[in-house]
């Protein structure tokens, strides 16, 4: 509800805050949100790291810290980063000569709470530190499945985000099916309380709760074969499919380049080059999609 400026105006009225006081009111709330996050990190003896650029992989950094410090469960670290968001600013309106709340794109500090969750494995909660305090929770079904397999002592081999081998594929599929019956409200509320304990106080004036929705989802499939000979029959077809099915615009879209969805063309001033190469090496086959020399996909 706080994404609606009219509701935000009502909210401030319930809090007894004038528009001219919004800045100091919001700053005070932001300070408390950040301090509670830092307190939790200090209490757990975990680092608080400010990330200046967008080039660092937060996930890789979290994995390195967890491995270095032998973290098996709980908070790994709190990363902070200045990032774009939708948030509120007070603007003067010329026609009425009055102040008004404006929801616009701006930047504020975001708090990334990285955890090794007992069920979900490596995951994070991202908290926007300025009104309306958006919260994003990111988890990976394969990380979750790995925890499920560990609990049942089912042997598997995992490489990056792919299962190379699973001793009992049928049981693994049953465990994945169980994920679909999760009580998401209960699980997400527990994570919210951990990473953003001030949320209840912030929402109390208008009895508001977080409304959960899936902003980004992905269904992914790992194809399993009994042995290498069975895979070898189909492997040439997979390579052919990978070359023929991904056009230049697909690679550009994946890398965040703007593509006209109607015409399938990029901007006229784009001067990059997309290439695809297939090579056979002693260790296996490599299929590589690249933009200006930067690899996008590698298959072996």
C-alpha atoms as a PDB file:
ATOM      1  CA  UNK A   1       0.000   0.000   0.000  1.00  0.00           C
ATOM      2  CA  UNK A   2       2.876   2.396   0.662  1.00  0.00           C
ATOM      3  CA  UNK A   3       3.739   2.374  -3.060  1.00  0.00           C
ATOM      4  CA  UNK A   4       0.641   4.517  -3.562  1.00  0.00           C
ATOM      5  CA  UNK A   5       1.492   8.190  -2.799  1.00  0.00           C
ATOM      6  CA  UNK A   6      -2.071   8.745  -1.539  1.00  0.00           C
ATOM      7  CA  UNK A   7      -1.654   5.929   0.995  1.00  0.00           C
ATOM      8  CA  UNK A   8       1.788   7.223   1.926  1.00  0.00           C
ATOM      9  CA  UNK A   9       0.223  10.629   2.569  1.00  0.00           C
ATOM     10  CA  UNK A  10      -2.400   8.971   4.770  1.00  0.00           C
ATOM     11  CA  UNK A  11       0.330   7.012   6.542  1.00  0.00           C
ATOM     12  CA  UNK A  12       2.235  10.187   7.421  1.00  0.00           C
ATOM     13  CA  UNK A  13      -0.989  11.681   8.752  1.00  0.00           C
ATOM     14  CA  UNK A  14      -1.498   8.637  10.998  1.00  0.00           C
ATOM     15  CA  UNK A  15       2.071   9.107  12.239  1.00  0.00           C
ATOM     16  CA  UNK A  16       1.476  12.813  12.888  1.00  0.00           C
ATOM     17  CA  UNK A  17       4.189  13.791  10.398  1.00  0.00           C
ATOM     18  CA  UNK A  18       3.855  16.891   8.198  1.00  0.00           C
ATOM     19  CA  UNK A  19       5.204  16.774   4.641  1.00  0.00           C
ATOM     20  CA  UNK A  20       7.878  19.312   5.550  1.00  0.00           C
ATOM     21  CA  UNK A  21       9.011  16.891   8.288  1.00  0.00           C
ATOM     22  CA  UNK A  22       9.171  13.856   5.991  1.00  0.00           C
ATOM     23  CA  UNK A  23      12.919  14.092   5.370  1.00  0.00           C
ATOM     24  CA  UNK A  24      13.927  13.966   9.023  1.00  0.00           C
ATOM     25  CA  UNK A  25      11.239  11.360   9.801  1.00  0.00           C
ATOM     26  CA  UNK A  26      12.433   9.063   6.979  1.00  0.00           C
ATOM     27  CA  UNK A  27      16.102   9.555   7.878  1.00  0.00           C
ATOM     28  CA  UNK A  28      15.388   8.573  11.477  1.00  0.00           C
ATOM     29  CA  UNK A  29      13.621   5.396  10.375  1.00  0.00           C
ATOM     30  CA  UNK A  30      16.386   4.578   7.897  1.00  0.00           C
ATOM     31  CA  UNK A  31      19.029   4.986  10.595  1.00  0.00           C
ATOM     32  CA  UNK A  32      17.189   2.517  12.829  1.00  0.00           C
ATOM     33  CA  UNK A  33      16.735  -0.032  10.008  1.00  0.00           C
ATOM     34  CA  UNK A  34      20.463   0.055   9.236  1.00  0.00           C
ATOM     35  CA  UNK A  35      21.528  -0.035  12.885  1.00  0.00           C
ATOM     36  CA  UNK A  36      19.433  -3.137  13.598  1.00  0.00           C
ATOM     37  CA  UNK A  37      21.056  -4.868  10.622  1.00  0.00           C
ATOM     38  CA  UNK A  38      24.529  -3.917  11.811  1.00  0.00           C
ATOM     39  CA  UNK A  39      23.726  -5.028  15.360  1.00  0.00           C
ATOM     40  CA  UNK A  40      22.655  -8.463  14.104  1.00  0.00           C
ATOM     41  CA  UNK A  41      25.915  -8.822  12.154  1.00  0.00           C
ATOM     42  CA  UNK A  42      28.057  -7.728  15.097  1.00  0.00           C
ATOM     43  CA  UNK A  43      26.187 -10.043  17.476  1.00  0.00           C
ATOM     44  CA  UNK A  44      26.825 -12.992  15.129  1.00  0.00           C
ATOM     45  CA  UNK A  45      30.450 -11.932  14.658  1.00  0.00           C
ATOM     46  CA  UNK A  46      29.947 -11.538  10.924  1.00  0.00           C
ATOM     47  CA  UNK A  47      31.385  -8.823   8.641  1.00  0.00           C
ATOM     48  CA  UNK A  48      29.586  -5.774   7.244  1.00  0.00           C
ATOM     49  CA  UNK A  49      30.977  -4.959   3.792  1.00  0.00           C
ATOM     50  CA  UNK A  50      30.226  -1.897   1.671  1.00  0.00           C
ATOM     51  CA  UNK A  51      30.450  -2.756  -2.041  1.00  0.00           C
ATOM     52  CA  UNK A  52      31.301   0.280  -4.145  1.00  0.00           C
ATOM     53  CA  UNK A  53      30.885  -1.132  -7.661  1.00  0.00           C
ATOM     54  CA  UNK A  54      28.435  -3.456  -9.347  1.00  0.00           C
ATOM     55  CA  UNK A  55      31.160  -5.716 -10.763  1.00  0.00           C
ATOM     56  CA  UNK A  56      31.581  -7.830  -7.617  1.00  0.00           C
ATOM     57  CA  UNK A  57      29.477 -10.969  -7.339  1.00  0.00           C
ATOM     58  CA  UNK A  58      27.821 -10.886  -3.926  1.00  0.00           C
ATOM     59  CA  UNK A  59      27.052 -14.603  -4.151  1.00  0.00           C
ATOM     60  CA  UNK A  60      30.660 -15.542  -4.868  1.00  0.00           C
ATOM     61  CA  UNK A  61      31.876 -13.298  -2.062  1.00  0.00           C
ATOM     62  CA  UNK A  62      29.363 -14.885   0.322  1.00  0.00           C
ATOM     63  CA  UNK A  63      30.514 -18.379  -0.665  1.00  0.00           C
ATOM     64  CA  UNK A  64      34.151 -17.420  -0.114  1.00  0.00           C
ATOM     65  CA  UNK A  65      33.388 -16.001   3.344  1.00  0.00           C
ATOM     66  CA  UNK A  66      31.340 -19.046   4.332  1.00  0.00           C
ATOM     67  CA  UNK A  67      34.131 -21.400   3.222  1.00  0.00           C
ATOM     68  CA  UNK A  68      36.877 -19.313   4.824  1.00  0.00           C
ATOM     69  CA  UNK A  69      35.097 -19.017   8.176  1.00  0.00           C
ATOM     70  CA  UNK A  70      33.571 -22.535   8.085  1.00  0.00           C
ATOM     71  CA  UNK A  71      29.999 -21.235   8.315  1.00  0.00           C
ATOM     72  CA  UNK A  72      27.542 -24.138   8.185  1.00  0.00           C
ATOM     73  CA  UNK A  73      24.387 -22.262   9.129  1.00  0.00           C
ATOM     74  CA  UNK A  74      23.205 -18.733   9.892  1.00  0.00           C
ATOM     75  CA  UNK A  75      24.316 -15.273   8.819  1.00  0.00           C
ATOM     76  CA  UNK A  76      27.358 -15.117   6.527  1.00  0.00           C
ATOM     77  CA  UNK A  77      27.624 -11.345   6.080  1.00  0.00           C
ATOM     78  CA  UNK A  78      25.733  -8.127   5.493  1.00  0.00           C
ATOM     79  CA  UNK A  79      26.689  -6.410   2.246  1.00  0.00           C
ATOM     80  CA  UNK A  80      25.621  -2.814   1.625  1.00  0.00           C
ATOM     81  CA  UNK A  81      25.403  -1.144  -1.766  1.00  0.00           C
ATOM     82  CA  UNK A  82      24.059   2.126  -3.151  1.00  0.00           C
ATOM     83  CA  UNK A  83      21.539   1.067  -5.808  1.00  0.00           C
ATOM     84  CA  UNK A  84      18.556   2.441  -7.777  1.00  0.00           C
ATOM     85  CA  UNK A  85      15.084   2.033  -6.293  1.00  0.00           C
ATOM     86  CA  UNK A  86      11.575   3.469  -6.297  1.00  0.00           C
ATOM     87  CA  UNK A  87      11.285   5.780  -3.339  1.00  0.00           C
ATOM     88  CA  UNK A  88       9.761   9.003  -2.068  1.00  0.00           C
ATOM     89  CA  UNK A  89      10.916  12.591  -2.326  1.00  0.00           C
ATOM     90  CA  UNK A  90       9.173  15.803  -1.298  1.00  0.00           C
ATOM     91  CA  UNK A  91       8.718  18.228  -4.203  1.00  0.00           C
ATOM     92  CA  UNK A  92       7.186  21.680  -4.396  1.00  0.00           C
ATOM     93  CA  UNK A  93       4.222  21.991  -6.771  1.00  0.00           C
ATOM     94  CA  UNK A  94       4.271  25.334  -8.637  1.00  0.00           C
ATOM     95  CA  UNK A  95       0.566  25.490  -9.436  1.00  0.00           C
ATOM     96  CA  UNK A  96      -0.648  24.967  -5.878  1.00  0.00           C
ATOM     97  CA  UNK A  97       2.520  26.229  -4.179  1.00  0.00           C
ATOM     98  CA  UNK A  98       2.288  23.233  -1.858  1.00  0.00           C
ATOM     99  CA  UNK A  99       4.550  20.337  -1.008  1.00  0.00           C
ATOM    100  CA  UNK A 100       3.697  16.895  -2.388  1.00  0.00           C
ATOM    101  CA  UNK A 101       5.028  13.352  -2.115  1.00  0.00           C
ATOM    102  CA  UNK A 102       6.560  12.032  -5.338  1.00  0.00           C
ATOM    103  CA  UNK A 103       7.388   8.375  -5.965  1.00  0.00           C
ATOM    104  CA  UNK A 104      10.382   8.342  -8.296  1.00  0.00           C
ATOM    105  CA  UNK A 105      13.544   6.497  -9.213  1.00  0.00           C
ATOM    106  CA  UNK A 106      16.422   7.471  -6.975  1.00  0.00           C
ATOM    107  CA  UNK A 107      19.281   5.760  -5.164  1.00  0.00           C
ATOM    108  CA  UNK A 108      19.539   4.583  -1.602  1.00  0.00           C
ATOM    109  CA  UNK A 109      21.545   2.113   0.440  1.00  0.00           C
ATOM    110  CA  UNK A 110      20.389  -1.505   0.218  1.00  0.00           C
ATOM    111  CA  UNK A 111      21.220  -4.143   2.803  1.00  0.00           C
ATOM    112  CA  UNK A 112      21.983  -7.665   1.557  1.00  0.00           C
ATOM    113  CA  UNK A 113      21.692 -10.248   4.341  1.00  0.00           C
ATOM    114  CA  UNK A 114      23.370 -13.451   3.123  1.00  0.00           C
ATOM    115  CA  UNK A 115      22.513 -16.635   5.005  1.00  0.00           C
ATOM    116  CA  UNK A 116      23.241 -20.330   4.926  1.00  0.00           C
ATOM    117  CA  UNK A 117      19.663 -21.256   5.687  1.00  0.00           C
ATOM    118  CA  UNK A 118      19.062 -24.687   7.311  1.00  0.00           C
ATOM    119  CA  UNK A 119      16.535 -25.551   4.568  1.00  0.00           C
ATOM    120  CA  UNK A 120      17.183 -23.243   1.618  1.00  0.00           C
ATOM    121  CA  UNK A 121      20.983 -23.232   1.676  1.00  0.00           C
ATOM    122  CA  UNK A 122      22.717 -20.112   0.359  1.00  0.00           C
ATOM    123  CA  UNK A 123      20.188 -17.286  -0.032  1.00  0.00           C
ATOM    124  CA  UNK A 124      19.785 -13.600   0.724  1.00  0.00           C
ATOM    125  CA  UNK A 125      17.304 -10.967   1.850  1.00  0.00           C
ATOM    126  CA  UNK A 126      17.655  -7.504   0.267  1.00  0.00           C
ATOM    127  CA  UNK A 127      16.207  -4.620   2.292  1.00  0.00           C
ATOM    128  CA  UNK A 128      15.746  -1.136   0.854  1.00  0.00           C
ATOM    129  CA  UNK A 129      16.761   1.339   3.560  1.00  0.00           C
ATOM    130  CA  UNK A 130      14.337   4.143   2.575  1.00  0.00           C
ATOM    131  CA  UNK A 131      10.549   4.325   2.316  1.00  0.00           C
ATOM    132  CA  UNK A 132       8.676   2.191   1.328  1.00  0.00           C
ATOM    133  CA  UNK A 133      11.351  -0.300   2.526  1.00  0.00           C
ATOM    134  CA  UNK A 134      10.959  -2.866  -0.253  1.00  0.00           C
ATOM    135  CA  UNK A 135      12.175  -6.363   0.626  1.00  0.00           C
ATOM    136  CA  UNK A 136      13.383  -8.940  -1.914  1.00  0.00           C
ATOM    137  CA  UNK A 137      14.121 -12.531  -0.921  1.00  0.00           C
ATOM    138  CA  UNK A 138      16.221 -14.595  -3.319  1.00  0.00           C
ATOM    139  CA  UNK A 139      16.664 -18.349  -3.044  1.00  0.00           C
ATOM    140  CA  UNK A 140      17.681 -21.200  -5.335  1.00  0.00           C
ATOM    141  CA  UNK A 141      15.771 -24.467  -5.644  1.00  0.00           C
ATOM    142  CA  UNK A 142      18.948 -26.429  -6.353  1.00  0.00           C
ATOM    143  CA  UNK A 143      20.623 -25.108  -3.191  1.00  0.00           C
ATOM    144  CA  UNK A 144      17.466 -26.177  -1.391  1.00  0.00           C
ATOM    145  CA  UNK A 145      17.513 -29.634  -3.014  1.00  0.00           C
ATOM    146  CA  UNK A 146      21.157 -30.127  -2.000  1.00  0.00           C
ATOM    147  CA  UNK A 147      20.135 -29.594   1.651  1.00  0.00           C
ATOM    148  CA  UNK A 148      17.277 -32.057   1.244  1.00  0.00           C
ATOM    149  CA  UNK A 149      19.622 -34.675  -0.242  1.00  0.00           C
ATOM    150  CA  UNK A 150      22.158 -34.139   2.551  1.00  0.00           C
ATOM    151  CA  UNK A 151      19.477 -34.736   5.189  1.00  0.00           C
ATOM    152  CA  UNK A 152      18.661 -38.107   3.598  1.00  0.00           C
ATOM    153  CA  UNK A 153      22.308 -39.076   2.916  1.00  0.00           C
ATOM    154  CA  UNK A 154      21.658 -39.306  -0.833  1.00  0.00           C
ATOM    155  CA  UNK A 155      24.955 -39.017  -2.712  1.00  0.00           C
ATOM    156  CA  UNK A 156      25.183 -36.371  -5.447  1.00  0.00           C
ATOM    157  CA  UNK A 157      27.731 -34.320  -7.375  1.00  0.00           C
ATOM    158  CA  UNK A 158      27.006 -30.627  -7.836  1.00  0.00           C
ATOM    159  CA  UNK A 159      28.968 -28.244 -10.041  1.00  0.00           C
ATOM    160  CA  UNK A 160      27.995 -24.583  -9.901  1.00  0.00           C
ATOM    161  CA  UNK A 161      24.215 -24.556 -10.349  1.00  0.00           C
ATOM    162  CA  UNK A 162      23.879 -28.010 -11.915  1.00  0.00           C
ATOM    163  CA  UNK A 163      23.599 -31.550 -10.544  1.00  0.00           C
ATOM    164  CA  UNK A 164      26.079 -33.729 -12.449  1.00  0.00           C
ATOM    165  CA  UNK A 165      25.133 -36.954 -10.645  1.00  0.00           C
ATOM    166  CA  UNK A 166      22.383 -38.014  -8.245  1.00  0.00           C
ATOM    167  CA  UNK A 167      22.378 -41.501  -6.729  1.00  0.00           C
ATOM    168  CA  UNK A 168      18.566 -41.614  -6.489  1.00  0.00           C
ATOM    169  CA  UNK A 169      16.953 -39.378  -9.173  1.00  0.00           C
ATOM    170  CA  UNK A 170      13.401 -40.525  -8.348  1.00  0.00           C
ATOM    171  CA  UNK A 171      13.777 -39.522  -4.710  1.00  0.00           C
ATOM    172  CA  UNK A 172      15.359 -36.228  -5.772  1.00  0.00           C
ATOM    173  CA  UNK A 173      12.319 -35.484  -7.948  1.00  0.00           C
ATOM    174  CA  UNK A 174       9.972 -36.257  -5.038  1.00  0.00           C
ATOM    175  CA  UNK A 175      11.923 -33.807  -2.886  1.00  0.00           C
ATOM    176  CA  UNK A 176      11.628 -31.130  -5.580  1.00  0.00           C
ATOM    177  CA  UNK A 177       7.878 -31.769  -5.724  1.00  0.00           C
ATOM    178  CA  UNK A 178       7.722 -31.172  -1.967  1.00  0.00           C
ATOM    179  CA  UNK A 179       9.131 -27.666  -2.519  1.00  0.00           C
ATOM    180  CA  UNK A 180       5.914 -26.779  -4.364  1.00  0.00           C
ATOM    181  CA  UNK A 181       3.853 -27.343  -1.202  1.00  0.00           C
ATOM    182  CA  UNK A 182       5.812 -24.825   0.871  1.00  0.00           C
ATOM    183  CA  UNK A 183       3.902 -22.421   3.121  1.00  0.00           C
ATOM    184  CA  UNK A 184       5.573 -19.373   1.604  1.00  0.00           C
ATOM    185  CA  UNK A 185       3.921 -16.811   3.829  1.00  0.00           C
ATOM    186  CA  UNK A 186       5.226 -18.560   6.938  1.00  0.00           C
ATOM    187  CA  UNK A 187       8.752 -19.013   5.559  1.00  0.00           C
ATOM    188  CA  UNK A 188       9.045 -15.481   4.166  1.00  0.00           C
ATOM    189  CA  UNK A 189       7.668 -13.841   7.318  1.00  0.00           C
ATOM    190  CA  UNK A 190      10.362 -15.645   9.355  1.00  0.00           C
ATOM    191  CA  UNK A 191      13.091 -14.347   7.030  1.00  0.00           C
ATOM    192  CA  UNK A 192      11.579 -10.858   7.138  1.00  0.00           C
ATOM    193  CA  UNK A 193      11.745 -10.867  10.928  1.00  0.00           C
ATOM    194  CA  UNK A 194      15.410 -11.850  10.793  1.00  0.00           C
ATOM    195  CA  UNK A 195      16.570  -9.267   8.263  1.00  0.00           C
ATOM    196  CA  UNK A 196      14.095  -6.432   8.864  1.00  0.00           C
ATOM    197  CA  UNK A 197      12.786  -6.612  12.457  1.00  0.00           C
ATOM    198  CA  UNK A 198      11.548  -3.002  12.380  1.00  0.00           C
ATOM    199  CA  UNK A 199       8.934  -3.824   9.713  1.00  0.00           C
ATOM    200  CA  UNK A 200       6.087  -4.384  12.210  1.00  0.00           C
ATOM    201  CA  UNK A 201       6.612  -0.993  13.848  1.00  0.00           C
ATOM    202  CA  UNK A 202       6.865   0.783  10.478  1.00  0.00           C
ATOM    203  CA  UNK A 203       3.647  -0.815   9.197  1.00  0.00           C
ATOM    204  CA  UNK A 204       1.633  -0.525  12.427  1.00  0.00           C
ATOM    205  CA  UNK A 205       0.043   2.958  11.857  1.00  0.00           C
ATOM    206  CA  UNK A 206      -2.105   1.649   8.978  1.00  0.00           C
ATOM    207  CA  UNK A 207      -2.042  -2.053   9.960  1.00  0.00           C
ATOM    208  CA  UNK A 208      -0.085  -2.826   6.790  1.00  0.00           C
ATOM    209  CA  UNK A 209       1.744  -6.101   6.128  1.00  0.00           C
ATOM    210  CA  UNK A 210       4.115  -7.059   3.354  1.00  0.00           C
ATOM    211  CA  UNK A 211       2.381  -8.450   0.273  1.00  0.00           C
ATOM    212  CA  UNK A 212       4.509 -11.209  -1.245  1.00  0.00           C
ATOM    213  CA  UNK A 213       4.741 -11.732  -4.993  1.00  0.00           C
ATOM    214  CA  UNK A 214       7.202 -13.530  -7.283  1.00  0.00           C
ATOM    215  CA  UNK A 215       9.018 -10.789  -9.201  1.00  0.00           C
ATOM    216  CA  UNK A 216      11.442 -13.183 -10.926  1.00  0.00           C
ATOM    217  CA  UNK A 217      11.088 -16.952 -11.235  1.00  0.00           C
ATOM    218  CA  UNK A 218      12.702 -19.651 -13.328  1.00  0.00           C
ATOM    219  CA  UNK A 219      11.847 -23.269 -13.990  1.00  0.00           C
ATOM    220  CA  UNK A 220      15.007 -25.183 -14.825  1.00  0.00           C
ATOM    221  CA  UNK A 221      15.552 -28.810 -15.862  1.00  0.00           C
ATOM    222  CA  UNK A 222      18.601 -31.008 -15.470  1.00  0.00           C
ATOM    223  CA  UNK A 223      18.618 -33.922 -17.920  1.00  0.00           C
ATOM    224  CA  UNK A 224      20.115 -37.087 -16.424  1.00  0.00           C
ATOM    225  CA  UNK A 225      21.534 -40.068 -18.319  1.00  0.00           C
ATOM    226  CA  UNK A 226      22.426 -43.498 -16.965  1.00  0.00           C
ATOM    227  CA  UNK A 227      25.885 -43.481 -18.541  1.00  0.00           C
ATOM    228  CA  UNK A 228      28.099 -41.537 -20.944  1.00  0.00           C
ATOM    229  CA  UNK A 229      27.241 -43.859 -23.857  1.00  0.00           C
ATOM    230  CA  UNK A 230      23.543 -42.977 -23.543  1.00  0.00           C
ATOM    231  CA  UNK A 231      24.392 -39.266 -23.543  1.00  0.00           C
ATOM    232  CA  UNK A 232      26.723 -39.623 -26.538  1.00  0.00           C
ATOM    233  CA  UNK A 233      23.789 -40.636 -28.768  1.00  0.00           C
ATOM    234  CA  UNK A 234      22.060 -37.291 -28.234  1.00  0.00           C
ATOM    235  CA  UNK A 235      24.967 -34.934 -27.583  1.00  0.00           C
ATOM    236  CA  UNK A 236      25.492 -33.858 -31.229  1.00  0.00           C
ATOM    237  CA  UNK A 237      21.783 -32.907 -31.394  1.00  0.00           C
ATOM    238  CA  UNK A 238      22.133 -30.803 -28.221  1.00  0.00           C
ATOM    239  CA  UNK A 239      25.108 -28.945 -29.706  1.00  0.00           C
ATOM    240  CA  UNK A 240      23.252 -28.355 -32.953  1.00  0.00           C
ATOM    241  CA  UNK A 241      20.234 -27.064 -31.025  1.00  0.00           C
ATOM    242  CA  UNK A 242      22.412 -24.701 -28.961  1.00  0.00           C
ATOM    243  CA  UNK A 243      23.922 -23.181 -32.119  1.00  0.00           C
ATOM    244  CA  UNK A 244      20.714 -22.903 -34.141  1.00  0.00           C
ATOM    245  CA  UNK A 245      18.354 -21.813 -31.348  1.00  0.00           C
ATOM    246  CA  UNK A 246      20.222 -18.809 -29.943  1.00  0.00           C
ATOM    247  CA  UNK A 247      20.366 -15.806 -32.257  1.00  0.00           C
ATOM    248  CA  UNK A 248      22.414 -12.672 -31.639  1.00  0.00           C
ATOM    249  CA  UNK A 249      19.426 -10.845 -30.157  1.00  0.00           C
ATOM    250  CA  UNK A 250      18.955 -13.654 -27.606  1.00  0.00           C
ATOM    251  CA  UNK A 251      22.534 -13.217 -26.409  1.00  0.00           C
ATOM    252  CA  UNK A 252      22.121  -9.430 -26.272  1.00  0.00           C
ATOM    253  CA  UNK A 253      18.835  -9.697 -24.370  1.00  0.00           C
ATOM    254  CA  UNK A 254      20.423 -12.051 -21.841  1.00  0.00           C
ATOM    255  CA  UNK A 255      23.200  -9.511 -21.257  1.00  0.00           C
ATOM    256  CA  UNK A 256      20.700  -6.723 -20.634  1.00  0.00           C
ATOM    257  CA  UNK A 257      21.034  -4.939 -23.972  1.00  0.00           C
ATOM    258  CA  UNK A 258      17.895  -3.193 -25.188  1.00  0.00           C
ATOM    259  CA  UNK A 259      16.144  -5.143 -27.943  1.00  0.00           C
ATOM    260  CA  UNK A 260      12.960  -4.080 -29.749  1.00  0.00           C
ATOM    261  CA  UNK A 261      10.613  -6.968 -28.954  1.00  0.00           C
ATOM    262  CA  UNK A 262       8.461  -6.226 -32.028  1.00  0.00           C
ATOM    263  CA  UNK A 263      11.194  -6.106 -34.671  1.00  0.00           C
ATOM    264  CA  UNK A 264      13.813  -8.184 -32.841  1.00  0.00           C
ATOM    265  CA  UNK A 265      16.438  -5.539 -33.597  1.00  0.00           C
ATOM    266  CA  UNK A 266      18.859  -3.625 -31.391  1.00  0.00           C
ATOM    267  CA  UNK A 267      19.437   0.123 -31.406  1.00  0.00           C
ATOM    268  CA  UNK A 268      20.882   1.522 -34.633  1.00  0.00           C
ATOM    269  CA  UNK A 269      23.955   2.886 -32.830  1.00  0.00           C
ATOM    270  CA  UNK A 270      24.943  -0.519 -31.402  1.00  0.00           C
ATOM    271  CA  UNK A 271      28.394  -1.486 -32.704  1.00  0.00           C
ATOM    272  CA  UNK A 272      29.135  -4.681 -30.771  1.00  0.00           C
ATOM    273  CA  UNK A 273      29.752  -8.132 -32.234  1.00  0.00           C
ATOM    274  CA  UNK A 274      28.131 -11.391 -31.126  1.00  0.00           C
ATOM    275  CA  UNK A 275      29.936 -14.616 -31.997  1.00  0.00           C
ATOM    276  CA  UNK A 276      29.362 -18.338 -31.469  1.00  0.00           C
ATOM    277  CA  UNK A 277      32.173 -20.885 -31.613  1.00  0.00           C
ATOM    278  CA  UNK A 278      32.289 -24.657 -31.259  1.00  0.00           C
ATOM    279  CA  UNK A 279      35.594 -26.363 -30.513  1.00  0.00           C
ATOM    280  CA  UNK A 280      36.643 -29.894 -29.632  1.00  0.00           C
ATOM    281  CA  UNK A 281      39.383 -30.194 -27.047  1.00  0.00           C
ATOM    282  CA  UNK A 282      40.974 -33.145 -25.215  1.00  0.00           C
ATOM    283  CA  UNK A 283      38.858 -32.431 -22.139  1.00  0.00           C
ATOM    284  CA  UNK A 284      35.624 -32.197 -24.149  1.00  0.00           C
ATOM    285  CA  UNK A 285      33.533 -29.967 -26.384  1.00  0.00           C
ATOM    286  CA  UNK A 286      33.220 -26.228 -25.808  1.00  0.00           C
ATOM    287  CA  UNK A 287      30.323 -24.182 -27.145  1.00  0.00           C
ATOM    288  CA  UNK A 288      30.741 -20.469 -26.535  1.00  0.00           C
ATOM    289  CA  UNK A 289      28.420 -17.506 -27.128  1.00  0.00           C
ATOM    290  CA  UNK A 290      30.227 -14.195 -26.684  1.00  0.00           C
ATOM    291  CA  UNK A 291      29.679 -10.443 -26.968  1.00  0.00           C
ATOM    292  CA  UNK A 292      32.806  -8.433 -27.845  1.00  0.00           C
ATOM    293  CA  UNK A 293      34.930 -11.332 -26.637  1.00  0.00           C
ATOM    294  CA  UNK A 294      33.187 -11.747 -23.266  1.00  0.00           C
ATOM    295  CA  UNK A 295      31.887 -15.306 -22.903  1.00  0.00           C
ATOM    296  CA  UNK A 296      28.230 -15.837 -22.178  1.00  0.00           C
ATOM    297  CA  UNK A 297      27.821 -19.622 -22.173  1.00  0.00           C
ATOM    298  CA  UNK A 298      30.191 -22.539 -21.960  1.00  0.00           C
ATOM    299  CA  UNK A 299      28.998 -26.113 -22.448  1.00  0.00           C
ATOM    300  CA  UNK A 300      31.198 -29.183 -22.082  1.00  0.00           C
END
